[in-house]
Amino acid sequence: MGNPVIYDIQDPLLSGKLTPKIAQTTLGVVEYAEIGEGPAVVALHGAMGGYDQSLILAQTIGNGDFHYLAMTRPGYLGTPLSSGRSPEQQGDLVAALLDKFGITKAGVMAVSGGGPSAVQFALRHPGRCAGLVLVSTLAEKLDTPIPFSFKIMKFLARWPWFANRFRKKAARDLEAMAKRSIRDPEILQRTINDAETWPLFSTMLLSTFDRLWLRLDGTENDIEISRTAAFPLEDLQPPVLIVHGTQDQLVPFAANAKGFESRVPNAELLAVEGGEHVAIFTHRSEVKPKVIEFMQRHFTAL
């Protein structure tokens, strides 16, 4: 089935250790990791994430032609929630991190709960945003119920022994854990058999248990944002690529992917047929070339 890569991700195009750093910006502390050389691309993780998952996002659908700044968004790991609770504040925090590097303009890729921050960066700093790659993210408020199991997990996760125990359990049977995200048995098996993609996906799954208790405040904040978010998408000026699975149950395709496509002036939609919320892994061979083509078209002239 392949062994997961544990927090020292090596990739032929994006080689290097996943080592976080801390930046003191004008708007607060930001944890980040960086990798690669070339035009700047900020990578933003989703719920239960951190800089580790931001880098996995970059490695899954990016290539080695760019300098990736993989942020930990507020409320996760080493970035306190005080650095930016709202999507607007988090969008400004992206700009503040770019200031620390002297970067005037950058592309942004964001997955799931990282989408609102990316959208607000583009809305509030349009001249600094070369474009957005939005993966499985929301265009409007979500009303899908929060599973009761999350509430139980949130309570137990305050104790490190719980997270460590469940990580070991998950590592023993990664296929069972993956089934929660990939319902189609054929697609699941294809993903497991992919020697390049499975290590990235399994590492992403296991990463949520690494200091789980330090990922909860940000996740709760993201849930609140997803229930209240409203964006003037018609005002988005930079080019936008929307990548979304047609079978996404967490962020429904019709309301969100189609919402972006119909409301954003300069939008392109990659509808991943049969893809769920983790379509960038299950359909990586389809998604990655399109993302790289978009990035090369819009991010390289920085």
C-alpha atoms as a PDB file:
ATOM      1  CA  MET A   1       0.000   0.000   0.000  1.00  0.00           C
ATOM      2  CA  GLY A   2       3.022   2.288   0.351  1.00  0.00           C
ATOM      3  CA  ASN A   3       4.429   3.936   3.429  1.00  0.00           C
ATOM      4  CA  PRO A   4       3.244   7.438   4.356  1.00  0.00           C
ATOM      5  CA  VAL A   5       5.744  10.254   4.322  1.00  0.00           C
ATOM      6  CA  ILE A   6       5.998  11.616   7.838  1.00  0.00           C
ATOM      7  CA  TYR A   7       6.800  15.330   7.996  1.00  0.00           C
ATOM      8  CA  ASP A   8       9.965  15.195   5.931  1.00  0.00           C
ATOM      9  CA  ILE A   9       8.405  15.224   2.527  1.00  0.00           C
ATOM     10  CA  GLN A  10      10.730  14.595  -0.382  1.00  0.00           C
ATOM     11  CA  ASP A  11       9.537  15.191  -3.914  1.00  0.00           C
ATOM     12  CA  PRO A  12      11.500  15.119  -7.187  1.00  0.00           C
ATOM     13  CA  LEU A  13      10.428  18.667  -7.944  1.00  0.00           C
ATOM     14  CA  LEU A  14      10.015  20.111  -4.475  1.00  0.00           C
ATOM     15  CA  SER A  15      12.842  18.644  -2.446  1.00  0.00           C
ATOM     16  CA  GLY A  16      13.684  19.855   1.029  1.00  0.00           C
ATOM     17  CA  LYS A  17      12.691  19.463   4.641  1.00  0.00           C
ATOM     18  CA  LEU A  18       9.373  20.736   5.850  1.00  0.00           C
ATOM     19  CA  THR A  19      10.770  23.025   8.555  1.00  0.00           C
ATOM     20  CA  PRO A  20       8.558  25.799   9.945  1.00  0.00           C
ATOM     21  CA  LYS A  21       9.738  29.315  10.653  1.00  0.00           C
ATOM     22  CA  ILE A  22       8.160  32.226  12.523  1.00  0.00           C
ATOM     23  CA  ALA A  23       7.658  35.682  11.039  1.00  0.00           C
ATOM     24  CA  GLN A  24       6.853  38.738  13.139  1.00  0.00           C
ATOM     25  CA  THR A  25       4.663  40.758  10.777  1.00  0.00           C
ATOM     26  CA  THR A  26       3.009  44.124  11.341  1.00  0.00           C
ATOM     27  CA  LEU A  27      -0.258  42.271  11.963  1.00  0.00           C
ATOM     28  CA  GLY A  28       1.000  39.489  14.184  1.00  0.00           C
ATOM     29  CA  VAL A  29       2.928  36.237  14.329  1.00  0.00           C
ATOM     30  CA  VAL A  30       2.810  33.925  11.306  1.00  0.00           C
ATOM     31  CA  GLU A  31       4.225  30.419  11.113  1.00  0.00           C
ATOM     32  CA  TYR A  32       5.263  29.312   7.658  1.00  0.00           C
ATOM     33  CA  ALA A  33       7.488  26.988   5.663  1.00  0.00           C
ATOM     34  CA  GLU A  34       9.040  27.777   2.314  1.00  0.00           C
ATOM     35  CA  ILE A  35      10.340  25.720  -0.529  1.00  0.00           C
ATOM     36  CA  GLY A  36      11.396  26.167  -4.142  1.00  0.00           C
ATOM     37  CA  GLU A  37      12.609  29.096  -6.213  1.00  0.00           C
ATOM     38  CA  GLY A  38      10.812  31.341  -8.672  1.00  0.00           C
ATOM     39  CA  PRO A  39       7.684  33.513  -8.583  1.00  0.00           C
ATOM     40  CA  ALA A  40       5.979  33.569  -5.193  1.00  0.00           C
ATOM     41  CA  VAL A  41       2.931  31.433  -4.457  1.00  0.00           C
ATOM     42  CA  VAL A  42       1.220  31.463  -1.064  1.00  0.00           C
ATOM     43  CA  ALA A  43      -0.326  28.104  -0.118  1.00  0.00           C
ATOM     44  CA  LEU A  44      -3.234  28.061   2.363  1.00  0.00           C
ATOM     45  CA  HIS A  45      -4.491  24.926   4.105  1.00  0.00           C
ATOM     46  CA  GLY A  46      -8.027  24.023   5.159  1.00  0.00           C
ATOM     47  CA  ALA A  47      -9.596  22.930   8.450  1.00  0.00           C
ATOM     48  CA  MET A  48      -7.484  20.750  10.792  1.00  0.00           C
ATOM     49  CA  GLY A  49      -4.433  21.976   8.882  1.00  0.00           C
ATOM     50  CA  GLY A  50      -1.238  23.953   9.290  1.00  0.00           C
ATOM     51  CA  TYR A  51       1.918  24.782   7.330  1.00  0.00           C
ATOM     52  CA  ASP A  52       2.408  21.035   6.794  1.00  0.00           C
ATOM     53  CA  GLN A  53      -0.851  20.673   4.896  1.00  0.00           C
ATOM     54  CA  SER A  54      -0.217  23.905   2.991  1.00  0.00           C
ATOM     55  CA  LEU A  55       3.015  22.386   1.688  1.00  0.00           C
ATOM     56  CA  ILE A  56       1.276  19.114   0.854  1.00  0.00           C
ATOM     57  CA  LEU A  57      -1.201  21.157  -1.196  1.00  0.00           C
ATOM     58  CA  ALA A  58       1.687  22.761  -3.096  1.00  0.00           C
ATOM     59  CA  GLN A  59       3.382  19.414  -3.676  1.00  0.00           C
ATOM     60  CA  THR A  60       0.194  17.720  -4.808  1.00  0.00           C
ATOM     61  CA  ILE A  61      -0.842  20.137  -7.555  1.00  0.00           C
ATOM     62  CA  GLY A  62       2.177  22.442  -8.032  1.00  0.00           C
ATOM     63  CA  ASN A  63       5.617  21.965  -9.520  1.00  0.00           C
ATOM     64  CA  GLY A  64       9.154  23.173  -8.869  1.00  0.00           C
ATOM     65  CA  ASP A  65       8.947  26.385 -10.876  1.00  0.00           C
ATOM     66  CA  PHE A  66       7.749  28.509  -7.944  1.00  0.00           C
ATOM     67  CA  HIS A  67       8.737  29.751  -4.496  1.00  0.00           C
ATOM     68  CA  TYR A  68       6.045  28.443  -2.159  1.00  0.00           C
ATOM     69  CA  LEU A  69       5.224  30.177   1.134  1.00  0.00           C
ATOM     70  CA  ALA A  70       3.168  27.620   3.021  1.00  0.00           C
ATOM     71  CA  MET A  71       1.329  29.502   5.747  1.00  0.00           C
ATOM     72  CA  THR A  72      -0.157  28.310   8.976  1.00  0.00           C
ATOM     73  CA  ARG A  73      -3.388  30.273   9.195  1.00  0.00           C
ATOM     74  CA  PRO A  74      -4.502  31.846  12.501  1.00  0.00           C
ATOM     75  CA  GLY A  75      -5.656  29.433  15.179  1.00  0.00           C
ATOM     76  CA  TYR A  76      -3.452  26.593  13.933  1.00  0.00           C
ATOM     77  CA  LEU A  77      -0.133  25.339  15.332  1.00  0.00           C
ATOM     78  CA  GLY A  78       2.293  28.290  15.625  1.00  0.00           C
ATOM     79  CA  THR A  79       0.039  31.093  14.354  1.00  0.00           C
ATOM     80  CA  PRO A  80      -2.213  32.459  17.120  1.00  0.00           C
ATOM     81  CA  LEU A  81      -5.839  33.237  16.388  1.00  0.00           C
ATOM     82  CA  SER A  82      -5.108  36.814  17.439  1.00  0.00           C
ATOM     83  CA  SER A  83      -3.157  37.247  14.185  1.00  0.00           C
ATOM     84  CA  GLY A  84      -6.420  37.279  12.275  1.00  0.00           C
ATOM     85  CA  ARG A  85      -9.808  35.806  13.137  1.00  0.00           C
ATOM     86  CA  SER A  86     -11.878  37.004  10.164  1.00  0.00           C
ATOM     87  CA  PRO A  87     -11.272  36.223   6.460  1.00  0.00           C
ATOM     88  CA  GLU A  88     -10.576  39.926   5.927  1.00  0.00           C
ATOM     89  CA  GLN A  89      -7.907  39.924   8.641  1.00  0.00           C
ATOM     90  CA  GLN A  90      -6.397  36.721   7.298  1.00  0.00           C
ATOM     91  CA  GLY A  91      -6.284  38.207   3.805  1.00  0.00           C
ATOM     92  CA  ASP A  92      -4.394  41.188   5.200  1.00  0.00           C
ATOM     93  CA  LEU A  93      -2.076  38.797   7.042  1.00  0.00           C
ATOM     94  CA  VAL A  94      -1.100  37.214   3.715  1.00  0.00           C
ATOM     95  CA  ALA A  95      -0.101  40.684   2.504  1.00  0.00           C
ATOM     96  CA  ALA A  96       1.839  41.306   5.719  1.00  0.00           C
ATOM     97  CA  LEU A  97       3.789  38.062   5.264  1.00  0.00           C
ATOM     98  CA  LEU A  98       4.641  39.053   1.698  1.00  0.00           C
ATOM     99  CA  ASP A  99       5.918  42.376   3.065  1.00  0.00           C
ATOM    100  CA  LYS A 100       8.408  40.496   5.262  1.00  0.00           C
ATOM    101  CA  PHE A 101       9.887  38.964   2.117  1.00  0.00           C
ATOM    102  CA  GLY A 102       9.739  42.164   0.095  1.00  0.00           C
ATOM    103  CA  ILE A 103       7.348  40.470  -2.330  1.00  0.00           C
ATOM    104  CA  THR A 104       5.048  42.895  -4.117  1.00  0.00           C
ATOM    105  CA  LYS A 105       2.870  40.343  -5.923  1.00  0.00           C
ATOM    106  CA  ALA A 106       2.101  36.647  -5.555  1.00  0.00           C
ATOM    107  CA  GLY A 107      -0.246  33.938  -6.657  1.00  0.00           C
ATOM    108  CA  VAL A 108      -2.314  32.083  -4.074  1.00  0.00           C
ATOM    109  CA  MET A 109      -3.520  28.499  -3.902  1.00  0.00           C
ATOM    110  CA  ALA A 110      -6.028  27.572  -1.210  1.00  0.00           C
ATOM    111  CA  VAL A 111      -7.968  24.467  -0.299  1.00  0.00           C
ATOM    112  CA  SER A 112     -11.292  24.145   1.516  1.00  0.00           C
ATOM    113  CA  GLY A 113     -11.329  26.387   4.625  1.00  0.00           C
ATOM    114  CA  GLY A 114      -8.390  28.401   3.284  1.00  0.00           C
ATOM    115  CA  GLY A 115     -10.557  29.741   0.473  1.00  0.00           C
ATOM    116  CA  PRO A 116     -12.163  32.684   2.310  1.00  0.00           C
ATOM    117  CA  SER A 117      -8.727  34.043   3.300  1.00  0.00           C
ATOM    118  CA  ALA A 118      -7.510  33.779  -0.298  1.00  0.00           C
ATOM    119  CA  VAL A 119     -10.611  35.485  -1.653  1.00  0.00           C
ATOM    120  CA  GLN A 120     -10.269  38.359   0.803  1.00  0.00           C
ATOM    121  CA  PHE A 121      -6.593  38.796  -0.056  1.00  0.00           C
ATOM    122  CA  ALA A 122      -7.579  39.172  -3.712  1.00  0.00           C
ATOM    123  CA  LEU A 123     -10.460  41.527  -2.880  1.00  0.00           C
ATOM    124  CA  ARG A 124      -8.492  43.740  -0.488  1.00  0.00           C
ATOM    125  CA  HIS A 125      -5.143  43.667  -2.310  1.00  0.00           C
ATOM    126  CA  PRO A 126      -6.029  43.138  -5.983  1.00  0.00           C
ATOM    127  CA  GLY A 127      -2.805  44.698  -7.244  1.00  0.00           C
ATOM    128  CA  ARG A 128      -0.750  42.218  -5.236  1.00  0.00           C
ATOM    129  CA  CYS A 129      -2.652  39.085  -6.283  1.00  0.00           C
ATOM    130  CA  ALA A 130      -1.538  37.455  -9.521  1.00  0.00           C
ATOM    131  CA  GLY A 131      -4.409  34.985  -9.366  1.00  0.00           C
ATOM    132  CA  LEU A 132      -6.159  32.382  -7.240  1.00  0.00           C
ATOM    133  CA  VAL A 133      -6.338  28.603  -7.404  1.00  0.00           C
ATOM    134  CA  LEU A 134      -9.343  27.680  -5.252  1.00  0.00           C
ATOM    135  CA  VAL A 135      -9.697  23.988  -4.458  1.00  0.00           C
ATOM    136  CA  SER A 136     -12.912  22.580  -2.965  1.00  0.00           C
ATOM    137  CA  THR A 137     -13.734  25.887  -1.332  1.00  0.00           C
ATOM    138  CA  LEU A 138     -16.938  27.769  -0.597  1.00  0.00           C
ATOM    139  CA  ALA A 139     -18.580  30.590  -2.498  1.00  0.00           C
ATOM    140  CA  GLU A 140     -21.419  31.093  -0.019  1.00  0.00           C
ATOM    141  CA  LYS A 141     -22.579  30.054   3.439  1.00  0.00           C
ATOM    142  CA  LEU A 142     -22.670  26.349   4.212  1.00  0.00           C
ATOM    143  CA  ASP A 143     -25.524  24.718   6.068  1.00  0.00           C
ATOM    144  CA  THR A 144     -24.249  21.142   6.193  1.00  0.00           C
ATOM    145  CA  PRO A 145     -24.518  19.802   9.770  1.00  0.00           C
ATOM    146  CA  ILE A 146     -21.441  19.389  11.956  1.00  0.00           C
ATOM    147  CA  PRO A 147     -21.063  15.684  12.848  1.00  0.00           C
ATOM    148  CA  PHE A 148     -21.548  14.883  16.525  1.00  0.00           C
ATOM    149  CA  SER A 149     -18.340  12.871  16.331  1.00  0.00           C
ATOM    150  CA  PHE A 150     -16.432  16.143  15.782  1.00  0.00           C
ATOM    151  CA  LYS A 151     -17.788  17.532  19.055  1.00  0.00           C
ATOM    152  CA  ILE A 152     -16.600  14.441  20.904  1.00  0.00           C
ATOM    153  CA  MET A 153     -13.226  14.551  19.205  1.00  0.00           C
ATOM    154  CA  LYS A 154     -12.871  18.251  20.026  1.00  0.00           C
ATOM    155  CA  PHE A 155     -13.385  17.485  23.711  1.00  0.00           C
ATOM    156  CA  LEU A 156     -10.977  14.547  23.833  1.00  0.00           C
ATOM    157  CA  ALA A 157      -8.306  16.138  21.662  1.00  0.00           C
ATOM    158  CA  ARG A 158      -7.301  18.531  24.428  1.00  0.00           C
ATOM    159  CA  TRP A 159      -5.302  15.618  25.849  1.00  0.00           C
ATOM    160  CA  PRO A 160      -2.176  14.708  23.835  1.00  0.00           C
ATOM    161  CA  TRP A 161      -2.504  11.014  24.687  1.00  0.00           C
ATOM    162  CA  PHE A 162      -5.790  10.901  22.745  1.00  0.00           C
ATOM    163  CA  ALA A 163      -4.304  12.344  19.571  1.00  0.00           C
ATOM    164  CA  ASN A 164      -1.231  10.109  19.804  1.00  0.00           C
ATOM    165  CA  ARG A 165      -3.359   7.012  20.337  1.00  0.00           C
ATOM    166  CA  PHE A 166      -5.620   7.716  17.399  1.00  0.00           C
ATOM    167  CA  ARG A 167      -2.705   8.578  15.156  1.00  0.00           C
ATOM    168  CA  LYS A 168      -1.151   5.187  15.851  1.00  0.00           C
ATOM    169  CA  LYS A 169      -4.497   3.506  15.206  1.00  0.00           C
ATOM    170  CA  ALA A 170      -4.937   5.380  11.924  1.00  0.00           C
ATOM    171  CA  ALA A 171      -1.382   4.561  10.814  1.00  0.00           C
ATOM    172  CA  ARG A 172      -2.093   0.844  11.258  1.00  0.00           C
ATOM    173  CA  ASP A 173      -5.023   0.990   8.835  1.00  0.00           C
ATOM    174  CA  LEU A 174      -4.691   3.943   6.512  1.00  0.00           C
ATOM    175  CA  GLU A 175      -7.102   2.444   4.014  1.00  0.00           C
ATOM    176  CA  ALA A 176      -9.913   2.490   6.572  1.00  0.00           C
ATOM    177  CA  MET A 177      -9.177   6.118   7.327  1.00  0.00           C
ATOM    178  CA  ALA A 178      -9.086   6.998   3.635  1.00  0.00           C
ATOM    179  CA  LYS A 179     -12.515   5.415   3.122  1.00  0.00           C
ATOM    180  CA  ARG A 180     -14.021   8.261   5.131  1.00  0.00           C
ATOM    181  CA  SER A 181     -12.971  10.678   2.398  1.00  0.00           C
ATOM    182  CA  ILE A 182     -13.184   8.464  -0.690  1.00  0.00           C
ATOM    183  CA  ARG A 183     -16.478   6.580  -0.912  1.00  0.00           C
ATOM    184  CA  ASP A 184     -16.008   5.003  -4.336  1.00  0.00           C
ATOM    185  CA  PRO A 185     -14.067   1.714  -3.875  1.00  0.00           C
ATOM    186  CA  GLU A 186     -12.558   1.855  -7.366  1.00  0.00           C
ATOM    187  CA  ILE A 187     -11.318   5.416  -6.939  1.00  0.00           C
ATOM    188  CA  LEU A 188      -9.987   4.553  -3.483  1.00  0.00           C
ATOM    189  CA  GLN A 189      -7.997   1.600  -4.775  1.00  0.00           C
ATOM    190  CA  ARG A 190      -6.643   3.638  -7.675  1.00  0.00           C
ATOM    191  CA  THR A 191      -5.446   6.286  -5.231  1.00  0.00           C
ATOM    192  CA  ILE A 192      -3.818   3.711  -2.948  1.00  0.00           C
ATOM    193  CA  ASN A 193      -1.998   2.194  -5.915  1.00  0.00           C
ATOM    194  CA  ASP A 194      -0.628   5.555  -7.050  1.00  0.00           C
ATOM    195  CA  ALA A 195       2.979   5.464  -5.843  1.00  0.00           C
ATOM    196  CA  GLU A 196       3.370   9.256  -6.010  1.00  0.00           C
ATOM    197  CA  THR A 197      -0.006  10.399  -4.707  1.00  0.00           C
ATOM    198  CA  TRP A 198      -0.721   7.913  -1.920  1.00  0.00           C
ATOM    199  CA  PRO A 199       2.235   9.026   0.265  1.00  0.00           C
ATOM    200  CA  LEU A 200       1.036  12.639  -0.004  1.00  0.00           C
ATOM    201  CA  PHE A 201      -2.572  11.766   0.792  1.00  0.00           C
ATOM    202  CA  SER A 202      -1.748   9.426   3.670  1.00  0.00           C
ATOM    203  CA  THR A 203       0.629  11.998   5.132  1.00  0.00           C
ATOM    204  CA  MET A 204      -2.129  14.602   4.950  1.00  0.00           C
ATOM    205  CA  LEU A 205      -4.525  12.251   6.757  1.00  0.00           C
ATOM    206  CA  LEU A 206      -2.049  11.514   9.542  1.00  0.00           C
ATOM    207  CA  SER A 207      -0.933  15.127   9.894  1.00  0.00           C
ATOM    208  CA  THR A 208      -4.220  16.098  11.537  1.00  0.00           C
ATOM    209  CA  PHE A 209      -3.204  14.070  14.608  1.00  0.00           C
ATOM    210  CA  ASP A 210       0.139  15.835  14.994  1.00  0.00           C
ATOM    211  CA  ARG A 211      -0.490  18.318  17.827  1.00  0.00           C
ATOM    212  CA  LEU A 212      -4.196  17.955  17.182  1.00  0.00           C
ATOM    213  CA  TRP A 213      -5.030  20.186  20.134  1.00  0.00           C
ATOM    214  CA  LEU A 214      -3.225  23.052  18.385  1.00  0.00           C
ATOM    215  CA  ARG A 215      -5.469  22.756  15.327  1.00  0.00           C
ATOM    216  CA  LEU A 216      -8.827  23.040  17.076  1.00  0.00           C
ATOM    217  CA  ASP A 217      -9.202  26.809  17.604  1.00  0.00           C
ATOM    218  CA  GLY A 218      -8.578  27.476  13.930  1.00  0.00           C
ATOM    219  CA  THR A 219     -10.941  24.693  12.889  1.00  0.00           C
ATOM    220  CA  GLU A 220     -13.734  26.048  15.081  1.00  0.00           C
ATOM    221  CA  ASN A 221     -13.111  29.506  13.660  1.00  0.00           C
ATOM    222  CA  ASP A 222     -13.240  28.126  10.105  1.00  0.00           C
ATOM    223  CA  ILE A 223     -16.547  26.421  10.849  1.00  0.00           C
ATOM    224  CA  GLU A 224     -17.967  29.713  12.101  1.00  0.00           C
ATOM    225  CA  ILE A 225     -16.711  31.506   8.987  1.00  0.00           C
ATOM    226  CA  SER A 226     -18.270  28.870   6.738  1.00  0.00           C
ATOM    227  CA  ARG A 227     -21.656  29.511   8.366  1.00  0.00           C
ATOM    228  CA  THR A 228     -21.509  33.300   8.036  1.00  0.00           C
ATOM    229  CA  ALA A 229     -19.325  34.002   4.988  1.00  0.00           C
ATOM    230  CA  ALA A 230     -20.520  36.388   2.301  1.00  0.00           C
ATOM    231  CA  PHE A 231     -18.218  37.604  -0.463  1.00  0.00           C
ATOM    232  CA  PRO A 232     -18.693  40.203  -3.214  1.00  0.00           C
ATOM    233  CA  LEU A 233     -17.325  37.753  -5.761  1.00  0.00           C
ATOM    234  CA  GLU A 234     -18.347  40.022  -8.622  1.00  0.00           C
ATOM    235  CA  ASP A 235     -15.595  42.406  -7.459  1.00  0.00           C
ATOM    236  CA  LEU A 236     -12.770  39.868  -7.792  1.00  0.00           C
ATOM    237  CA  GLN A 237     -10.293  41.252 -10.321  1.00  0.00           C
ATOM    238  CA  PRO A 238      -7.487  38.634 -10.533  1.00  0.00           C
ATOM    239  CA  PRO A 239      -7.943  35.464 -12.610  1.00  0.00           C
ATOM    240  CA  VAL A 240      -9.393  32.544 -10.669  1.00  0.00           C
ATOM    241  CA  LEU A 241      -9.191  28.798 -11.279  1.00  0.00           C
ATOM    242  CA  ILE A 242     -11.851  26.811  -9.450  1.00  0.00           C
ATOM    243  CA  VAL A 243     -11.079  23.117  -8.897  1.00  0.00           C
ATOM    244  CA  HIS A 244     -14.026  21.210  -7.491  1.00  0.00           C
ATOM    245  CA  GLY A 245     -15.270  17.633  -7.401  1.00  0.00           C
ATOM    246  CA  THR A 246     -18.799  17.114  -8.672  1.00  0.00           C
ATOM    247  CA  GLN A 247     -19.502  14.697  -5.788  1.00  0.00           C
ATOM    248  CA  ASP A 248     -18.186  16.930  -2.990  1.00  0.00           C
ATOM    249  CA  GLN A 249     -20.496  16.412  -0.021  1.00  0.00           C
ATOM    250  CA  LEU A 250     -18.784  18.847   2.335  1.00  0.00           C
ATOM    251  CA  VAL A 251     -18.820  21.841  -0.021  1.00  0.00           C
ATOM    252  CA  PRO A 252     -21.517  21.051  -2.604  1.00  0.00           C
ATOM    253  CA  PHE A 253     -20.483  21.550  -6.220  1.00  0.00           C
ATOM    254  CA  ALA A 254     -23.654  23.184  -7.568  1.00  0.00           C
ATOM    255  CA  ALA A 255     -23.839  26.013  -5.037  1.00  0.00           C
ATOM    256  CA  ASN A 256     -20.141  26.707  -4.712  1.00  0.00           C
ATOM    257  CA  ALA A 257     -18.153  25.776  -7.816  1.00  0.00           C
ATOM    258  CA  LYS A 258     -20.954  26.996 -10.045  1.00  0.00           C
ATOM    259  CA  GLY A 259     -21.361  30.009  -7.781  1.00  0.00           C
ATOM    260  CA  PHE A 260     -17.761  31.036  -8.388  1.00  0.00           C
ATOM    261  CA  GLU A 261     -18.043  30.391 -12.108  1.00  0.00           C
ATOM    262  CA  SER A 262     -21.187  32.490 -12.505  1.00  0.00           C
ATOM    263  CA  ARG A 263     -20.161  35.402 -10.277  1.00  0.00           C
ATOM    264  CA  VAL A 264     -16.405  35.854 -10.746  1.00  0.00           C
ATOM    265  CA  PRO A 265     -15.620  37.877 -13.905  1.00  0.00           C
ATOM    266  CA  ASN A 266     -12.364  36.115 -14.835  1.00  0.00           C
ATOM    267  CA  ALA A 267     -13.038  32.563 -13.645  1.00  0.00           C
ATOM    268  CA  GLU A 268     -12.197  29.155 -15.048  1.00  0.00           C
ATOM    269  CA  LEU A 269     -13.822  26.004 -13.686  1.00  0.00           C
ATOM    270  CA  LEU A 270     -12.262  22.557 -13.633  1.00  0.00           C
ATOM    271  CA  ALA A 271     -15.171  20.296 -12.745  1.00  0.00           C
ATOM    272  CA  VAL A 272     -13.688  17.003 -11.556  1.00  0.00           C
ATOM    273  CA  GLU A 273     -16.250  14.386 -12.507  1.00  0.00           C
ATOM    274  CA  GLY A 274     -16.832  11.934  -9.667  1.00  0.00           C
ATOM    275  CA  GLY A 275     -14.389  13.759  -7.414  1.00  0.00           C
ATOM    276  CA  GLU A 276     -15.171  14.384  -3.756  1.00  0.00           C
ATOM    277  CA  HIS A 277     -13.668  16.900  -1.333  1.00  0.00           C
ATOM    278  CA  VAL A 278     -10.217  15.330  -1.805  1.00  0.00           C
ATOM    279  CA  ALA A 279     -10.368  15.396  -5.618  1.00  0.00           C
ATOM    280  CA  ILE A 280      -6.838  16.828  -5.913  1.00  0.00           C
ATOM    281  CA  PHE A 281      -5.559  13.472  -4.657  1.00  0.00           C
ATOM    282  CA  THR A 282      -8.008  11.048  -6.257  1.00  0.00           C
ATOM    283  CA  HIS A 283      -7.894  12.838  -9.621  1.00  0.00           C
ATOM    284  CA  ARG A 284      -4.412  14.315  -9.385  1.00  0.00           C
ATOM    285  CA  SER A 285      -3.438  13.314 -12.944  1.00  0.00           C
ATOM    286  CA  GLU A 286      -6.297  15.468 -14.218  1.00  0.00           C
ATOM    287  CA  VAL A 287      -5.997  18.375 -11.782  1.00  0.00           C
ATOM    288  CA  LYS A 288      -2.245  18.971 -11.596  1.00  0.00           C
ATOM    289  CA  PRO A 289      -1.615  19.712 -15.315  1.00  0.00           C
ATOM    290  CA  LYS A 290      -4.469  22.213 -15.370  1.00  0.00           C
ATOM    291  CA  VAL A 291      -3.269  23.965 -12.218  1.00  0.00           C
ATOM    292  CA  ILE A 292       0.319  24.164 -13.473  1.00  0.00           C
ATOM    293  CA  GLU A 293      -0.831  25.525 -16.838  1.00  0.00           C
ATOM    294  CA  PHE A 294      -2.892  28.201 -15.050  1.00  0.00           C
ATOM    295  CA  MET A 295      -0.013  29.111 -12.747  1.00  0.00           C
ATOM    296  CA  GLN A 296       2.469  29.343 -15.592  1.00  0.00           C
ATOM    297  CA  ARG A 297       0.072  31.532 -17.514  1.00  0.00           C
ATOM    298  CA  HIS A 298      -0.666  33.961 -14.688  1.00  0.00           C
ATOM    299  CA  PHE A 299       1.991  33.639 -11.960  1.00  0.00           C
ATOM    300  CA  THR A 300       5.256  33.599 -13.907  1.00  0.00           C
ATOM    301  CA  ALA A 301       5.216  37.238 -15.088  1.00  0.00           C
ATOM    302  CA  LEU A 302       5.710  38.611 -11.562  1.00  0.00           C
END
